[in-house]
């Protein structure tokens, strides 16, 4: 039938996700790819704003890998410039990010570190749909 894709389900455009991490390998990119999520890793905080834009759906920020003041500044700028951007913060210390309760179109998601790839993928899917996530992932 014309206009129908596999099994009649509508295909979605893959989301573009920026992974902000200075680790040599997060092991997250291949897992996102297997889940039809396009991702690109950014290793320098100063490059994040140049790398994302209207095409970006989410930022996964490995906050513990960078100086906290710089991460908080970036977080605030992302929230101000891109209120619809889903921000997933992976951290051992969520307290600095709790202030993300500021009213925006999409609340931030905090994933406890160490983070398994499935938790981040679940946060991407749940956050994009505006649903509450399962235990282990906390919406702020």
N, C-alpha and C. Protein backbone atom coordinates (compact mmCIF):
# COMPACT_ATOMS: atom_id res chain seq x y z
N UNK A 1 0.83 -1.17 0.00
CA UNK A 1 0.00 0.00 0.00
C UNK A 1 0.89 1.24 0.00
N UNK A 2 0.58 2.18 -0.83
CA UNK A 2 1.36 3.40 -0.93
C UNK A 2 1.22 4.21 0.35
N UNK A 3 2.35 4.77 0.82
CA UNK A 3 2.32 5.60 2.02
C UNK A 3 2.47 4.82 3.31
N UNK A 4 2.54 3.52 3.21
CA UNK A 4 2.70 2.69 4.40
C UNK A 4 4.14 2.22 4.48
N UNK A 5 4.70 2.21 5.67
CA UNK A 5 6.05 1.67 5.86
C UNK A 5 5.93 0.28 6.45
N UNK A 6 7.03 -0.30 6.85
CA UNK A 6 7.04 -1.65 7.39
C UNK A 6 5.97 -1.83 8.45
N UNK A 7 5.10 -2.80 8.25
CA UNK A 7 4.08 -3.11 9.23
C UNK A 7 3.03 -2.02 9.39
N UNK A 8 3.01 -1.05 8.48
CA UNK A 8 2.03 0.01 8.57
C UNK A 8 2.38 1.09 9.57
N UNK A 9 3.47 0.94 10.28
CA UNK A 9 3.86 1.94 11.28
C UNK A 9 4.56 3.11 10.58
N UNK A 10 4.27 4.29 11.07
CA UNK A 10 4.90 5.48 10.50
C UNK A 10 6.34 5.57 10.99
N UNK A 11 7.26 5.84 10.08
CA UNK A 11 8.66 6.00 10.46
C UNK A 11 8.89 7.41 10.96
N UNK A 12 9.70 7.51 12.01
CA UNK A 12 10.05 8.81 12.56
C UNK A 12 11.45 9.18 12.12
N UNK A 13 11.68 10.47 11.99
CA UNK A 13 13.03 10.93 11.72
C UNK A 13 13.86 10.68 12.97
N UNK A 14 15.09 10.19 12.81
CA UNK A 14 15.91 9.95 13.99
C UNK A 14 16.27 11.26 14.69
N UNK A 15 16.27 11.20 15.99
CA UNK A 15 16.62 12.37 16.78
C UNK A 15 18.12 12.60 16.76
N UNK A 16 18.52 13.84 16.87
CA UNK A 16 19.93 14.17 16.96
C UNK A 16 20.23 14.52 18.41
N UNK A 17 21.21 13.81 18.97
CA UNK A 17 21.56 13.96 20.37
C UNK A 17 23.04 14.33 20.47
N UNK A 18 23.32 15.34 21.27
CA UNK A 18 24.71 15.71 21.55
C UNK A 18 25.11 15.06 22.87
N UNK A 19 26.21 14.32 22.85
CA UNK A 19 26.75 13.72 24.06
C UNK A 19 27.95 14.55 24.47
N UNK A 20 27.84 15.20 25.62
CA UNK A 20 28.91 16.07 26.09
C UNK A 20 29.71 15.30 27.13
N UNK A 21 30.90 14.86 26.71
CA UNK A 21 31.76 14.03 27.56
C UNK A 21 33.20 14.17 27.11
N UNK A 22 34.11 14.28 28.07
CA UNK A 22 35.52 14.31 27.68
C UNK A 22 36.19 12.95 27.86
N UNK A 23 35.40 11.93 28.16
CA UNK A 23 35.93 10.57 28.26
C UNK A 23 36.28 10.06 26.87
N UNK A 24 37.31 9.23 26.77
CA UNK A 24 37.68 8.70 25.45
C UNK A 24 36.55 7.90 24.80
N UNK A 25 35.72 7.25 25.62
CA UNK A 25 34.62 6.46 25.08
C UNK A 25 33.53 6.35 26.13
N UNK A 26 32.33 6.77 25.80
CA UNK A 26 31.22 6.65 26.74
C UNK A 26 30.47 5.35 26.57
N UNK A 27 30.68 4.66 25.47
CA UNK A 27 29.95 3.44 25.10
C UNK A 27 28.48 3.75 24.85
N UNK A 28 28.12 5.01 24.88
CA UNK A 28 26.74 5.40 24.66
C UNK A 28 26.39 5.51 23.18
N UNK A 29 27.32 6.03 22.39
CA UNK A 29 27.03 6.23 20.96
C UNK A 29 26.56 4.97 20.25
N UNK A 30 27.26 3.83 20.39
CA UNK A 30 26.79 2.64 19.68
C UNK A 30 25.41 2.18 20.14
N UNK A 31 25.12 2.36 21.44
CA UNK A 31 23.81 1.97 21.95
C UNK A 31 22.71 2.88 21.40
N UNK A 32 23.00 4.15 21.29
CA UNK A 32 22.02 5.06 20.70
C UNK A 32 21.79 4.72 19.23
N UNK A 33 22.87 4.45 18.51
CA UNK A 33 22.77 4.08 17.09
C UNK A 33 21.89 2.85 16.92
N UNK A 34 22.09 1.84 17.78
CA UNK A 34 21.27 0.62 17.70
C UNK A 34 19.80 0.91 17.97
N UNK A 35 19.52 2.02 18.63
CA UNK A 35 18.14 2.41 18.91
C UNK A 35 17.65 3.51 17.97
N UNK A 36 18.30 3.63 16.81
CA UNK A 36 17.93 4.59 15.77
C UNK A 36 17.97 6.03 16.23
N UNK A 37 18.94 6.34 17.09
CA UNK A 37 19.12 7.70 17.57
C UNK A 37 20.48 8.18 17.08
N UNK A 38 20.48 9.23 16.27
CA UNK A 38 21.73 9.82 15.80
C UNK A 38 22.36 10.59 16.95
N UNK A 39 23.65 10.40 17.14
CA UNK A 39 24.35 11.08 18.23
C UNK A 39 25.72 11.52 17.76
N UNK A 40 26.18 12.57 18.41
CA UNK A 40 27.55 13.03 18.17
C UNK A 40 28.12 13.45 19.50
N UNK A 41 29.37 13.11 19.71
CA UNK A 41 30.04 13.43 20.97
C UNK A 41 30.80 14.73 20.84
N UNK A 42 30.67 15.55 21.88
CA UNK A 42 31.37 16.82 21.96
C UNK A 42 32.22 16.76 23.22
N UNK A 43 33.52 16.98 23.08
CA UNK A 43 34.43 16.80 24.20
C UNK A 43 34.84 18.10 24.89
N UNK A 44 34.45 19.24 24.35
CA UNK A 44 34.84 20.52 24.91
C UNK A 44 33.58 21.33 25.18
N UNK A 45 33.40 21.81 26.40
CA UNK A 45 32.20 22.56 26.74
C UNK A 45 31.99 23.77 25.85
N UNK A 46 33.07 24.46 25.52
CA UNK A 46 32.96 25.66 24.69
C UNK A 46 32.42 25.37 23.29
N UNK A 47 32.47 24.13 22.86
CA UNK A 47 32.02 23.77 21.52
C UNK A 47 30.54 23.36 21.47
N UNK A 48 29.92 23.21 22.62
CA UNK A 48 28.54 22.70 22.65
C UNK A 48 27.57 23.64 21.96
N UNK A 49 27.61 24.91 22.29
CA UNK A 49 26.64 25.85 21.71
C UNK A 49 26.78 25.97 20.20
N UNK A 50 28.00 25.84 19.68
CA UNK A 50 28.20 25.88 18.23
C UNK A 50 27.71 24.60 17.57
N UNK A 51 27.77 23.49 18.29
CA UNK A 51 27.45 22.19 17.70
C UNK A 51 25.96 21.88 17.69
N UNK A 52 25.20 22.50 18.57
CA UNK A 52 23.77 22.20 18.60
C UNK A 52 22.99 23.33 17.96
N UNK A 53 21.77 23.06 17.67
CA UNK A 53 20.91 24.07 17.06
C UNK A 53 19.49 23.55 17.00
N UNK A 54 18.73 24.09 16.09
CA UNK A 54 17.32 23.72 15.95
C UNK A 54 17.13 22.24 15.65
N UNK A 55 18.13 21.61 15.04
CA UNK A 55 18.03 20.19 14.68
C UNK A 55 18.24 19.28 15.88
N UNK A 56 18.78 19.78 16.96
CA UNK A 56 19.09 18.96 18.12
C UNK A 56 17.83 18.69 18.94
N UNK A 57 17.71 17.46 19.38
CA UNK A 57 16.57 17.05 20.21
C UNK A 57 16.94 16.98 21.68
N UNK A 58 18.20 16.65 21.96
CA UNK A 58 18.60 16.46 23.35
C UNK A 58 20.10 16.63 23.50
N UNK A 59 20.49 16.92 24.74
CA UNK A 59 21.89 16.96 25.13
C UNK A 59 22.04 16.02 26.33
N UNK A 60 22.99 15.10 26.24
CA UNK A 60 23.34 14.25 27.37
C UNK A 60 24.64 14.81 27.92
N UNK A 61 24.57 15.37 29.10
CA UNK A 61 25.69 16.08 29.71
C UNK A 61 26.29 15.26 30.84
N UNK A 62 27.49 14.74 30.63
CA UNK A 62 28.21 14.01 31.67
C UNK A 62 28.89 15.04 32.56
N UNK A 63 28.13 15.55 33.51
CA UNK A 63 28.52 16.72 34.30
C UNK A 63 29.77 16.51 35.15
N UNK A 64 30.00 15.31 35.63
CA UNK A 64 31.13 15.05 36.53
C UNK A 64 32.49 15.11 35.83
N UNK A 65 32.49 15.17 34.51
CA UNK A 65 33.74 15.16 33.76
C UNK A 65 34.30 16.56 33.50
N UNK A 66 33.59 17.57 33.96
CA UNK A 66 34.00 18.95 33.72
C UNK A 66 33.91 19.74 35.03
N UNK A 67 34.56 20.91 35.11
CA UNK A 67 34.44 21.74 36.31
C UNK A 67 32.98 22.16 36.52
N UNK A 68 32.51 22.01 37.75
CA UNK A 68 31.10 22.28 38.05
C UNK A 68 30.63 23.68 37.66
N UNK A 69 31.38 24.75 37.94
CA UNK A 69 30.89 26.07 37.54
C UNK A 69 30.67 26.20 36.03
N UNK A 70 31.55 25.62 35.24
CA UNK A 70 31.41 25.68 33.78
C UNK A 70 30.20 24.87 33.32
N UNK A 71 29.97 23.73 33.95
CA UNK A 71 28.81 22.90 33.60
C UNK A 71 27.52 23.63 33.95
N UNK A 72 27.47 24.23 35.12
CA UNK A 72 26.26 24.98 35.53
C UNK A 72 26.00 26.15 34.59
N UNK A 73 27.04 26.84 34.18
CA UNK A 73 26.88 27.95 33.23
C UNK A 73 26.31 27.45 31.91
N UNK A 74 26.89 26.36 31.39
CA UNK A 74 26.40 25.79 30.14
C UNK A 74 24.95 25.35 30.28
N UNK A 75 24.63 24.70 31.37
CA UNK A 75 23.27 24.24 31.64
C UNK A 75 22.30 25.42 31.58
N UNK A 76 22.64 26.50 32.26
CA UNK A 76 21.77 27.68 32.29
C UNK A 76 21.60 28.29 30.90
N UNK A 77 22.68 28.36 30.13
CA UNK A 77 22.61 28.92 28.78
C UNK A 77 21.74 28.02 27.89
N UNK A 78 21.92 26.71 27.98
CA UNK A 78 21.11 25.80 27.17
C UNK A 78 19.63 25.96 27.51
N UNK A 79 19.31 26.05 28.79
CA UNK A 79 17.91 26.20 29.21
C UNK A 79 17.32 27.51 28.68
N UNK A 80 18.12 28.57 28.69
CA UNK A 80 17.63 29.87 28.24
C UNK A 80 17.47 29.93 26.72
N UNK A 81 18.46 29.44 25.99
CA UNK A 81 18.43 29.55 24.53
C UNK A 81 17.55 28.50 23.85
N UNK A 82 17.47 27.33 24.45
CA UNK A 82 16.75 26.21 23.84
C UNK A 82 15.76 25.61 24.84
N UNK A 83 14.66 26.30 25.15
CA UNK A 83 13.74 25.81 26.17
C UNK A 83 13.07 24.49 25.83
N UNK A 84 13.03 24.12 24.56
CA UNK A 84 12.42 22.84 24.18
C UNK A 84 13.43 21.70 24.12
N UNK A 85 14.70 22.01 24.29
CA UNK A 85 15.76 21.00 24.25
C UNK A 85 15.69 20.13 25.51
N UNK A 86 15.71 18.83 25.33
CA UNK A 86 15.75 17.91 26.46
C UNK A 86 17.19 17.83 26.95
N UNK A 87 17.41 18.14 28.22
CA UNK A 87 18.74 18.07 28.80
C UNK A 87 18.76 16.92 29.80
N UNK A 88 19.65 15.97 29.55
CA UNK A 88 19.83 14.83 30.44
C UNK A 88 21.18 15.01 31.11
N UNK A 89 21.17 15.15 32.42
CA UNK A 89 22.40 15.35 33.18
C UNK A 89 22.75 14.04 33.86
N UNK A 90 23.93 13.52 33.53
CA UNK A 90 24.44 12.31 34.16
C UNK A 90 25.44 12.76 35.20
N UNK A 91 25.14 12.47 36.48
CA UNK A 91 25.99 12.99 37.56
C UNK A 91 25.86 12.18 38.84
N UNK A 92 26.90 12.24 39.65
CA UNK A 92 26.86 11.67 41.00
C UNK A 92 26.31 12.69 41.99
N UNK A 93 26.28 13.96 41.60
CA UNK A 93 25.86 15.06 42.48
C UNK A 93 24.74 15.87 41.81
N UNK A 94 23.50 15.47 41.97
CA UNK A 94 22.41 16.15 41.28
C UNK A 94 22.02 17.51 41.88
N UNK A 95 22.43 17.80 43.10
CA UNK A 95 21.96 19.00 43.79
C UNK A 95 22.11 20.30 42.98
N UNK A 96 23.26 20.55 42.32
CA UNK A 96 23.36 21.81 41.57
C UNK A 96 22.36 21.94 40.42
N UNK A 97 21.76 20.82 40.00
CA UNK A 97 20.86 20.85 38.85
C UNK A 97 19.39 20.83 39.25
N UNK A 98 19.11 20.75 40.53
CA UNK A 98 17.73 20.72 41.00
C UNK A 98 17.02 22.02 40.68
N UNK A 99 17.77 23.10 40.55
CA UNK A 99 17.16 24.38 40.21
C UNK A 99 16.55 24.37 38.81
N UNK A 100 16.66 23.26 38.12
CA UNK A 100 16.08 23.13 36.78
C UNK A 100 14.56 23.05 36.84
N UNK A 101 13.99 23.20 38.01
CA UNK A 101 12.53 23.20 38.14
C UNK A 101 11.91 24.45 37.54
N UNK A 102 12.76 25.36 37.07
CA UNK A 102 12.27 26.56 36.43
C UNK A 102 11.35 26.14 35.29
N UNK A 103 10.26 26.82 35.14
CA UNK A 103 9.27 26.46 34.13
C UNK A 103 9.84 26.63 32.72
N UNK A 104 9.98 25.53 32.05
CA UNK A 104 10.34 25.51 30.64
C UNK A 104 9.47 24.45 29.98
N UNK A 105 9.55 24.36 28.68
CA UNK A 105 8.71 23.40 27.98
C UNK A 105 9.10 21.95 28.27
N UNK A 106 10.35 21.73 28.58
CA UNK A 106 10.81 20.37 28.91
C UNK A 106 11.68 20.42 30.16
N UNK A 107 11.28 19.71 31.20
CA UNK A 107 12.13 19.67 32.38
C UNK A 107 13.40 18.85 32.12
N UNK A 108 14.44 19.16 32.86
CA UNK A 108 15.67 18.38 32.74
C UNK A 108 15.46 17.01 33.38
N UNK A 109 16.27 16.06 32.95
CA UNK A 109 16.23 14.71 33.52
C UNK A 109 17.60 14.46 34.13
N UNK A 110 17.62 13.97 35.36
CA UNK A 110 18.88 13.65 36.01
C UNK A 110 19.00 12.13 36.10
N UNK A 111 20.11 11.62 35.57
CA UNK A 111 20.39 10.19 35.60
C UNK A 111 21.58 9.99 36.53
N UNK A 112 21.41 9.14 37.56
CA UNK A 112 22.52 8.91 38.47
C UNK A 112 23.71 8.26 37.76
N UNK A 113 24.90 8.70 38.13
CA UNK A 113 26.12 8.12 37.58
C UNK A 113 26.67 7.14 38.61
N UNK A 114 27.10 5.94 38.27
CA UNK A 114 27.33 5.48 36.90
C UNK A 114 26.00 5.21 36.19
N UNK A 115 25.98 5.56 34.92
CA UNK A 115 24.77 5.42 34.12
C UNK A 115 24.94 4.31 33.11
N UNK A 116 23.97 3.45 33.04
CA UNK A 116 23.95 2.44 32.00
C UNK A 116 23.28 3.05 30.78
N UNK A 117 23.68 2.61 29.62
CA UNK A 117 23.14 3.18 28.38
C UNK A 117 21.63 3.10 28.33
N UNK A 118 21.04 2.00 28.82
CA UNK A 118 19.59 1.86 28.75
C UNK A 118 18.89 2.95 29.55
N UNK A 119 19.51 3.42 30.64
CA UNK A 119 18.89 4.49 31.43
C UNK A 119 18.84 5.80 30.63
N UNK A 120 19.90 6.08 29.91
CA UNK A 120 19.93 7.29 29.10
C UNK A 120 18.94 7.17 27.95
N UNK A 121 18.89 6.01 27.31
CA UNK A 121 17.95 5.79 26.21
C UNK A 121 16.52 5.90 26.72
N UNK A 122 16.25 5.34 27.87
CA UNK A 122 14.91 5.45 28.46
C UNK A 122 14.57 6.92 28.75
N UNK A 123 15.54 7.66 29.25
CA UNK A 123 15.32 9.08 29.52
C UNK A 123 15.04 9.84 28.23
N UNK A 124 15.76 9.49 27.16
CA UNK A 124 15.52 10.13 25.86
C UNK A 124 14.10 9.87 25.37
N UNK A 125 13.69 8.61 25.44
CA UNK A 125 12.34 8.26 24.98
C UNK A 125 11.28 8.85 25.89
N UNK A 126 11.44 8.74 27.18
CA UNK A 126 10.45 9.27 28.12
C UNK A 126 10.39 10.78 28.09
N UNK A 127 11.57 11.42 28.06
CA UNK A 127 11.61 12.87 28.03
C UNK A 127 11.04 13.44 26.76
N UNK A 128 11.29 12.78 25.66
CA UNK A 128 10.79 13.27 24.37
C UNK A 128 9.27 13.15 24.31
N UNK A 129 8.73 12.17 25.03
CA UNK A 129 7.28 11.98 25.02
C UNK A 129 6.61 12.71 26.18
N UNK A 130 7.41 13.31 27.08
CA UNK A 130 6.85 14.02 28.21
C UNK A 130 6.30 13.12 29.29
N UNK A 131 6.78 11.87 29.34
CA UNK A 131 6.30 10.91 30.33
C UNK A 131 7.22 10.90 31.54
N UNK A 132 6.69 10.39 32.63
CA UNK A 132 7.51 10.18 33.82
C UNK A 132 8.37 8.95 33.58
N UNK A 133 9.60 8.99 34.03
CA UNK A 133 10.51 7.88 33.80
C UNK A 133 10.41 6.86 34.93
N UNK A 134 10.99 5.69 34.70
CA UNK A 134 10.98 4.62 35.69
C UNK A 134 11.93 4.94 36.83
N UNK A 135 11.87 4.13 37.86
CA UNK A 135 12.74 4.31 39.02
C UNK A 135 14.20 4.34 38.59
N UNK A 136 14.97 5.19 39.22
CA UNK A 136 16.39 5.31 38.89
C UNK A 136 16.67 6.53 38.05
N UNK A 137 15.66 7.08 37.45
CA UNK A 137 15.81 8.32 36.68
C UNK A 137 14.84 9.32 37.29
N UNK A 138 15.34 10.46 37.66
CA UNK A 138 14.51 11.42 38.37
C UNK A 138 14.34 12.68 37.55
N UNK A 139 13.11 13.08 37.39
CA UNK A 139 12.84 14.35 36.75
C UNK A 139 12.97 15.43 37.80
N UNK A 140 13.54 16.56 37.41
CA UNK A 140 13.64 17.66 38.37
C UNK A 140 12.51 18.63 38.15
